[in-house]
Amino acid sequence: MRLLSAFAIGLIFGLGITVSGMINPAKVLNFFDIAGTWDPSLAFVMAGALGVAVPGYRLVLRNPAPRMADRFQLPDTRVIDRRLILGSATFGLGWGIAGFCPGGALPALGTGALDVHIFIAALVAGMFVARWLRSRPPVATRPL
């Protein structure tokens, strides 16, 4: 049942991304081109997502646990640290350069476009590099 639920949720998300045009990197990049061919539709897609997610979270989090898991998987810290800032900046730069975010690139794989496959390959490689970097022992710091 969990697999079927995950498939249905992914299908709905993928259809939403596709129907909204967010699998088209040119449409996404035009959102960032404020001085040129600016396209505000990404802002409307994000606002629509927030309009569903905010009340959805409020409703779901009233329950003691999810229906198909032992507990909610929520962040256990609110600390804004170097790792969070660098990760967010890397995500934003990649999105701004490629025109894809991971959520939009996965449904775009169905187009068969080479740039989507290159992006996904780089995404997976980045995940392995990040995991490798996190597994390394911290570098000892010397006093000045």
N, C-alpha and C. Protein backbone atom coordinates (compact mmCIF):
# COMPACT_ATOMS: atom_id res chain seq x y z
N MET A 1 0.81 -1.20 0.00
CA MET A 1 0.00 0.00 0.00
C MET A 1 0.86 1.27 0.00
N ARG A 2 2.00 1.21 0.72
CA ARG A 2 2.88 2.39 0.75
C ARG A 2 3.43 2.69 -0.63
N LEU A 3 3.80 1.65 -1.36
CA LEU A 3 4.34 1.83 -2.70
C LEU A 3 3.28 2.42 -3.64
N LEU A 4 2.07 1.93 -3.54
CA LEU A 4 0.98 2.45 -4.36
C LEU A 4 0.69 3.91 -4.02
N SER A 5 0.72 4.23 -2.74
CA SER A 5 0.50 5.61 -2.30
C SER A 5 1.61 6.53 -2.83
N ALA A 6 2.86 6.09 -2.71
CA ALA A 6 3.99 6.89 -3.21
C ALA A 6 3.88 7.08 -4.72
N PHE A 7 3.48 6.04 -5.43
CA PHE A 7 3.31 6.15 -6.88
C PHE A 7 2.22 7.17 -7.22
N ALA A 8 1.10 7.12 -6.54
CA ALA A 8 -0.01 8.05 -6.81
C ALA A 8 0.40 9.49 -6.52
N ILE A 9 1.10 9.70 -5.41
CA ILE A 9 1.55 11.06 -5.06
C ILE A 9 2.55 11.56 -6.10
N GLY A 10 3.49 10.71 -6.50
CA GLY A 10 4.47 11.10 -7.52
C GLY A 10 3.82 11.38 -8.86
N LEU A 11 2.81 10.59 -9.20
CA LEU A 11 2.10 10.80 -10.46
C LEU A 11 1.36 12.14 -10.46
N ILE A 12 0.70 12.45 -9.37
CA ILE A 12 -0.01 13.73 -9.26
C ILE A 12 0.98 14.89 -9.34
N PHE A 13 2.11 14.77 -8.61
CA PHE A 13 3.13 15.82 -8.64
C PHE A 13 3.68 15.99 -10.06
N GLY A 14 4.04 14.88 -10.69
CA GLY A 14 4.60 14.94 -12.04
C GLY A 14 3.63 15.53 -13.05
N LEU A 15 2.35 15.18 -12.93
CA LEU A 15 1.34 15.78 -13.82
C LEU A 15 1.23 17.28 -13.59
N GLY A 16 1.26 17.69 -12.32
CA GLY A 16 1.18 19.12 -12.01
C GLY A 16 2.35 19.89 -12.58
N ILE A 17 3.55 19.33 -12.42
CA ILE A 17 4.76 19.97 -12.96
C ILE A 17 4.69 20.05 -14.48
N THR A 18 4.20 18.98 -15.09
CA THR A 18 4.11 18.94 -16.55
C THR A 18 3.06 19.91 -17.07
N VAL A 19 1.87 19.87 -16.50
CA VAL A 19 0.78 20.75 -16.96
C VAL A 19 1.16 22.22 -16.78
N SER A 20 1.87 22.53 -15.69
CA SER A 20 2.26 23.92 -15.44
C SER A 20 3.39 24.38 -16.35
N GLY A 21 4.02 23.46 -17.07
CA GLY A 21 5.10 23.83 -17.98
C GLY A 21 6.46 23.91 -17.31
N MET A 22 6.56 23.49 -16.06
CA MET A 22 7.82 23.63 -15.34
C MET A 22 8.86 22.58 -15.70
N ILE A 23 8.52 21.66 -16.62
CA ILE A 23 9.55 20.74 -17.11
C ILE A 23 10.32 21.38 -18.27
N ASN A 24 9.89 22.55 -18.69
CA ASN A 24 10.56 23.28 -19.76
C ASN A 24 11.57 24.24 -19.14
N PRO A 25 12.87 23.98 -19.27
CA PRO A 25 13.85 24.85 -18.63
C PRO A 25 13.79 26.29 -19.12
N ALA A 26 13.39 26.52 -20.36
CA ALA A 26 13.30 27.89 -20.87
C ALA A 26 12.25 28.68 -20.10
N LYS A 27 11.14 28.04 -19.74
CA LYS A 27 10.09 28.70 -18.98
C LYS A 27 10.59 29.08 -17.58
N VAL A 28 11.34 28.16 -16.98
CA VAL A 28 11.90 28.43 -15.65
C VAL A 28 12.95 29.54 -15.73
N LEU A 29 13.84 29.47 -16.72
CA LEU A 29 14.88 30.49 -16.84
C LEU A 29 14.29 31.87 -17.15
N ASN A 30 13.18 31.91 -17.87
CA ASN A 30 12.53 33.20 -18.14
C ASN A 30 11.99 33.84 -16.87
N PHE A 31 11.69 33.05 -15.86
CA PHE A 31 11.27 33.61 -14.58
C PHE A 31 12.40 34.41 -13.94
N PHE A 32 13.63 33.94 -14.12
CA PHE A 32 14.79 34.62 -13.55
C PHE A 32 15.28 35.79 -14.40
N ASP A 33 14.78 35.93 -15.62
CA ASP A 33 15.20 36.98 -16.53
C ASP A 33 14.28 38.20 -16.37
N ILE A 34 14.43 38.88 -15.26
CA ILE A 34 13.53 39.99 -14.92
C ILE A 34 13.67 41.15 -15.91
N ALA A 35 14.87 41.40 -16.40
CA ALA A 35 15.09 42.53 -17.31
C ALA A 35 14.79 42.19 -18.76
N GLY A 36 14.51 40.91 -19.05
CA GLY A 36 14.30 40.51 -20.45
C GLY A 36 12.92 39.92 -20.67
N THR A 37 12.88 38.64 -20.92
CA THR A 37 11.62 37.96 -21.26
C THR A 37 10.98 37.34 -20.02
N TRP A 38 10.78 38.15 -18.99
CA TRP A 38 10.29 37.66 -17.71
C TRP A 38 8.94 36.97 -17.84
N ASP A 39 8.82 35.79 -17.22
CA ASP A 39 7.59 35.01 -17.22
C ASP A 39 7.23 34.72 -15.76
N PRO A 40 6.18 35.34 -15.23
CA PRO A 40 5.83 35.19 -13.82
C PRO A 40 5.12 33.88 -13.48
N SER A 41 4.91 33.00 -14.44
CA SER A 41 4.10 31.81 -14.18
C SER A 41 4.68 30.90 -13.09
N LEU A 42 6.00 30.87 -12.93
CA LEU A 42 6.60 30.07 -11.87
C LEU A 42 6.14 30.56 -10.50
N ALA A 43 6.01 31.85 -10.34
CA ALA A 43 5.52 32.40 -9.06
C ALA A 43 4.10 31.94 -8.79
N PHE A 44 3.28 31.86 -9.82
CA PHE A 44 1.90 31.38 -9.64
C PHE A 44 1.88 29.89 -9.29
N VAL A 45 2.76 29.12 -9.90
CA VAL A 45 2.85 27.70 -9.58
C VAL A 45 3.28 27.53 -8.12
N MET A 46 4.27 28.30 -7.68
CA MET A 46 4.72 28.22 -6.29
C MET A 46 3.62 28.67 -5.32
N ALA A 47 2.92 29.72 -5.67
CA ALA A 47 1.82 30.18 -4.81
C ALA A 47 0.72 29.12 -4.73
N GLY A 48 0.41 28.49 -5.84
CA GLY A 48 -0.58 27.41 -5.83
C GLY A 48 -0.12 26.24 -4.98
N ALA A 49 1.17 25.91 -5.04
CA ALA A 49 1.71 24.82 -4.22
C ALA A 49 1.62 25.16 -2.74
N LEU A 50 1.95 26.40 -2.40
CA LEU A 50 1.83 26.83 -1.00
C LEU A 50 0.37 26.83 -0.54
N GLY A 51 -0.53 27.20 -1.44
CA GLY A 51 -1.95 27.21 -1.11
C GLY A 51 -2.48 25.83 -0.77
N VAL A 52 -1.85 24.81 -1.31
CA VAL A 52 -2.24 23.43 -0.99
C VAL A 52 -1.42 22.90 0.19
N ALA A 53 -0.12 23.18 0.21
CA ALA A 53 0.78 22.59 1.21
C ALA A 53 0.54 23.14 2.62
N VAL A 54 0.36 24.44 2.75
CA VAL A 54 0.21 25.02 4.09
C VAL A 54 -1.00 24.45 4.82
N PRO A 55 -2.20 24.51 4.24
CA PRO A 55 -3.32 23.89 4.98
C PRO A 55 -3.17 22.37 5.09
N GLY A 56 -2.54 21.75 4.11
CA GLY A 56 -2.32 20.30 4.17
C GLY A 56 -1.44 19.91 5.35
N TYR A 57 -0.34 20.62 5.55
CA TYR A 57 0.53 20.35 6.69
C TYR A 57 -0.21 20.57 8.00
N ARG A 58 -0.95 21.66 8.08
CA ARG A 58 -1.69 21.94 9.32
C ARG A 58 -2.68 20.81 9.63
N LEU A 59 -3.32 20.30 8.62
CA LEU A 59 -4.29 19.22 8.79
C LEU A 59 -3.60 17.91 9.16
N VAL A 60 -2.56 17.55 8.44
CA VAL A 60 -1.87 16.27 8.65
C VAL A 60 -1.13 16.24 9.99
N LEU A 61 -0.49 17.33 10.36
CA LEU A 61 0.31 17.34 11.59
C LEU A 61 -0.54 17.34 12.86
N ARG A 62 -1.85 17.40 12.73
CA ARG A 62 -2.72 17.23 13.90
C ARG A 62 -2.73 15.79 14.37
N ASN A 63 -2.38 14.87 13.48
CA ASN A 63 -2.34 13.45 13.80
C ASN A 63 -1.06 13.13 14.58
N PRO A 64 -1.10 12.10 15.43
CA PRO A 64 0.12 11.74 16.19
C PRO A 64 1.21 11.13 15.31
N ALA A 65 0.83 10.52 14.19
CA ALA A 65 1.80 9.90 13.28
C ALA A 65 1.15 9.78 11.90
N PRO A 66 1.96 9.64 10.85
CA PRO A 66 1.38 9.41 9.52
C PRO A 66 0.66 8.06 9.48
N ARG A 67 -0.20 7.90 8.51
CA ARG A 67 -0.97 6.66 8.41
C ARG A 67 -0.11 5.45 8.01
N MET A 68 0.96 5.69 7.28
CA MET A 68 1.76 4.57 6.79
C MET A 68 3.21 4.60 7.28
N ALA A 69 3.44 5.21 8.44
CA ALA A 69 4.78 5.25 9.02
C ALA A 69 4.65 5.39 10.54
N ASP A 70 5.76 5.13 11.22
CA ASP A 70 5.75 5.20 12.68
C ASP A 70 5.78 6.63 13.21
N ARG A 71 6.43 7.51 12.44
CA ARG A 71 6.55 8.90 12.89
C ARG A 71 6.74 9.81 11.68
N PHE A 72 6.53 11.11 11.91
CA PHE A 72 6.77 12.09 10.87
C PHE A 72 8.28 12.29 10.71
N GLN A 73 8.72 12.50 9.49
CA GLN A 73 10.13 12.76 9.19
C GLN A 73 10.31 14.27 9.04
N LEU A 74 10.44 14.96 10.15
CA LEU A 74 10.58 16.41 10.14
C LEU A 74 11.98 16.80 10.60
N PRO A 75 12.46 17.97 10.19
CA PRO A 75 13.79 18.41 10.65
C PRO A 75 13.81 18.49 12.18
N ASP A 76 14.93 18.09 12.75
CA ASP A 76 15.06 18.13 14.21
C ASP A 76 15.85 19.34 14.69
N THR A 77 16.20 20.22 13.79
CA THR A 77 16.93 21.43 14.17
C THR A 77 16.43 22.61 13.34
N ARG A 78 16.58 23.78 13.90
CA ARG A 78 16.24 25.01 13.18
C ARG A 78 17.48 25.88 12.99
N VAL A 79 18.64 25.29 13.18
CA VAL A 79 19.91 26.00 13.08
C VAL A 79 20.21 26.29 11.61
N ILE A 80 20.54 27.54 11.34
CA ILE A 80 20.98 27.93 10.00
C ILE A 80 22.50 27.95 10.05
N ASP A 81 23.11 26.94 9.44
CA ASP A 81 24.55 26.81 9.49
C ASP A 81 25.16 26.88 8.10
N ARG A 82 26.47 26.75 8.05
CA ARG A 82 27.22 26.85 6.80
C ARG A 82 26.74 25.80 5.78
N ARG A 83 26.52 24.60 6.27
CA ARG A 83 26.09 23.50 5.39
C ARG A 83 24.75 23.81 4.73
N LEU A 84 23.81 24.35 5.50
CA LEU A 84 22.50 24.69 4.95
C LEU A 84 22.62 25.82 3.92
N ILE A 85 23.39 26.83 4.24
CA ILE A 85 23.54 27.98 3.33
C ILE A 85 24.24 27.56 2.04
N LEU A 86 25.31 26.78 2.14
CA LEU A 86 26.02 26.33 0.93
C LEU A 86 25.15 25.40 0.09
N GLY A 87 24.42 24.51 0.75
CA GLY A 87 23.54 23.61 0.01
C GLY A 87 22.44 24.36 -0.71
N SER A 88 21.84 25.33 -0.03
CA SER A 88 20.78 26.13 -0.65
C SER A 88 21.32 26.96 -1.81
N ALA A 89 22.48 27.53 -1.63
CA ALA A 89 23.09 28.33 -2.70
C ALA A 89 23.43 27.45 -3.91
N THR A 90 23.95 26.26 -3.66
CA THR A 90 24.27 25.34 -4.75
C THR A 90 23.01 24.94 -5.50
N PHE A 91 21.96 24.63 -4.75
CA PHE A 91 20.68 24.27 -5.37
C PHE A 91 20.18 25.42 -6.24
N GLY A 92 20.18 26.63 -5.71
CA GLY A 92 19.69 27.79 -6.45
C GLY A 92 20.52 28.09 -7.68
N LEU A 93 21.84 27.99 -7.56
CA LEU A 93 22.71 28.23 -8.72
C LEU A 93 22.47 27.18 -9.80
N GLY A 94 22.36 25.93 -9.39
CA GLY A 94 22.09 24.87 -10.37
C GLY A 94 20.77 25.07 -11.07
N TRP A 95 19.75 25.47 -10.30
CA TRP A 95 18.43 25.71 -10.86
C TRP A 95 18.48 26.88 -11.85
N GLY A 96 19.18 27.95 -11.45
CA GLY A 96 19.28 29.12 -12.31
C GLY A 96 20.10 28.91 -13.56
N ILE A 97 21.09 28.03 -13.48
CA ILE A 97 21.94 27.76 -14.65
C ILE A 97 21.26 26.78 -15.60
N ALA A 98 20.74 25.68 -15.04
CA ALA A 98 20.19 24.61 -15.88
C ALA A 98 18.72 24.80 -16.23
N GLY A 99 17.99 25.49 -15.36
CA GLY A 99 16.55 25.64 -15.59
C GLY A 99 15.76 24.45 -15.08
N PHE A 100 16.42 23.53 -14.41
CA PHE A 100 15.75 22.36 -13.83
C PHE A 100 15.95 22.36 -12.33
N CYS A 101 14.95 21.96 -11.60
CA CYS A 101 15.14 21.57 -10.21
C CYS A 101 14.87 20.06 -10.20
N PRO A 102 15.33 19.35 -9.18
CA PRO A 102 15.15 17.89 -9.20
C PRO A 102 13.69 17.47 -9.37
N GLY A 103 12.77 18.18 -8.72
CA GLY A 103 11.36 17.82 -8.84
C GLY A 103 10.82 17.97 -10.25
N GLY A 104 11.29 18.95 -10.98
CA GLY A 104 10.85 19.16 -12.35
C GLY A 104 11.60 18.34 -13.36
N ALA A 105 12.83 17.94 -13.02
CA ALA A 105 13.65 17.19 -13.96
C ALA A 105 13.19 15.73 -14.07
N LEU A 106 12.73 15.16 -12.98
CA LEU A 106 12.32 13.76 -13.04
C LEU A 106 11.15 13.54 -14.00
N PRO A 107 10.08 14.34 -13.93
CA PRO A 107 9.03 14.17 -14.94
C PRO A 107 9.51 14.49 -16.36
N ALA A 108 10.49 15.41 -16.47
CA ALA A 108 11.01 15.79 -17.79
C ALA A 108 11.82 14.68 -18.43
N LEU A 109 12.23 13.68 -17.65
CA LEU A 109 12.94 12.54 -18.25
C LEU A 109 12.11 11.89 -19.35
N GLY A 110 10.79 11.96 -19.21
CA GLY A 110 9.90 11.38 -20.21
C GLY A 110 9.99 12.04 -21.57
N THR A 111 10.56 13.24 -21.64
CA THR A 111 10.70 13.91 -22.93
C THR A 111 11.83 13.31 -23.75
N GLY A 112 12.78 12.63 -23.07
CA GLY A 112 13.92 12.05 -23.76
C GLY A 112 14.99 13.05 -24.13
N ALA A 113 14.86 14.30 -23.70
CA ALA A 113 15.83 15.33 -24.05
C ALA A 113 17.17 15.05 -23.38
N LEU A 114 18.25 15.22 -24.12
CA LEU A 114 19.59 14.93 -23.62
C LEU A 114 19.94 15.80 -22.42
N ASP A 115 19.56 17.09 -22.43
CA ASP A 115 19.94 17.97 -21.32
C ASP A 115 19.33 17.51 -20.00
N VAL A 116 18.17 16.89 -20.04
CA VAL A 116 17.55 16.38 -18.82
C VAL A 116 18.38 15.22 -18.28
N HIS A 117 18.80 14.35 -19.15
CA HIS A 117 19.60 13.19 -18.73
C HIS A 117 20.95 13.64 -18.18
N ILE A 118 21.55 14.65 -18.79
CA ILE A 118 22.82 15.19 -18.28
C ILE A 118 22.60 15.80 -16.90
N PHE A 119 21.51 16.54 -16.72
CA PHE A 119 21.21 17.15 -15.43
C PHE A 119 21.02 16.07 -14.36
N ILE A 120 20.26 15.03 -14.66
CA ILE A 120 20.02 13.96 -13.69
C ILE A 120 21.32 13.24 -13.35
N ALA A 121 22.17 13.01 -14.34
CA ALA A 121 23.48 12.38 -14.09
C ALA A 121 24.32 13.26 -13.16
N ALA A 122 24.32 14.57 -13.40
CA ALA A 122 25.06 15.49 -12.53
C ALA A 122 24.45 15.53 -11.13
N LEU A 123 23.14 15.45 -11.05
CA LEU A 123 22.45 15.42 -9.76
C LEU A 123 22.87 14.20 -8.95
N VAL A 124 22.85 13.04 -9.57
CA VAL A 124 23.23 11.80 -8.89
C VAL A 124 24.70 11.85 -8.49
N ALA A 125 25.56 12.34 -9.39
CA ALA A 125 26.99 12.47 -9.05
C ALA A 125 27.17 13.41 -7.86
N GLY A 126 26.44 14.51 -7.85
CA GLY A 126 26.51 15.45 -6.73
C GLY A 126 26.06 14.83 -5.42
N MET A 127 25.06 13.96 -5.48
CA MET A 127 24.61 13.27 -4.27
C MET A 127 25.71 12.36 -3.73
N PHE A 128 26.41 11.65 -4.61
CA PHE A 128 27.50 10.79 -4.17
C PHE A 128 28.66 11.60 -3.60
N VAL A 129 28.99 12.72 -4.24
CA VAL A 129 30.07 13.57 -3.74
C VAL A 129 29.71 14.13 -2.37
N ALA A 130 28.47 14.59 -2.21
CA ALA A 130 28.04 15.13 -0.92
C ALA A 130 28.10 14.06 0.17
N ARG A 131 27.66 12.86 -0.14
CA ARG A 131 27.71 11.75 0.84
C ARG A 131 29.16 11.44 1.20
N TRP A 132 30.05 11.45 0.21
CA TRP A 132 31.46 11.19 0.46
C TRP A 132 32.06 12.29 1.34
N LEU A 133 31.73 13.55 1.06
CA LEU A 133 32.26 14.66 1.85
C LEU A 133 31.78 14.59 3.30
N ARG A 134 30.52 14.21 3.49
CA ARG A 134 29.98 14.10 4.85
C ARG A 134 30.61 12.95 5.63
N SER A 135 31.07 11.93 4.94
CA SER A 135 31.64 10.77 5.62
C SER A 135 33.09 10.99 6.03
N ARG A 136 33.74 12.00 5.49
CA ARG A 136 35.14 12.27 5.82
C ARG A 136 35.25 12.87 7.21
N PRO A 137 36.32 12.55 7.93
CA PRO A 137 36.49 13.15 9.25
C PRO A 137 36.75 14.64 9.11
N PRO A 138 36.33 15.43 10.10
CA PRO A 138 36.56 16.87 10.01
C PRO A 138 38.05 17.20 10.00
N VAL A 139 38.37 18.26 9.29
CA VAL A 139 39.76 18.71 9.21
C VAL A 139 40.10 19.43 10.51
N ALA A 140 41.22 19.03 11.10
CA ALA A 140 41.65 19.68 12.35
C ALA A 140 42.05 21.13 12.06
N THR A 141 41.64 22.01 12.91
CA THR A 141 42.00 23.41 12.74
C THR A 141 43.16 23.76 13.67
N ARG A 142 44.04 24.57 13.14
CA ARG A 142 45.20 24.99 13.92
C ARG A 142 44.96 26.39 14.45
N PRO A 143 45.37 26.68 15.67
CA PRO A 143 45.26 28.06 16.16
C PRO A 143 46.23 28.96 15.39
N LEU A 144 45.85 30.21 15.27
CA LEU A 144 46.71 31.16 14.53
C LEU A 144 47.86 31.62 15.33
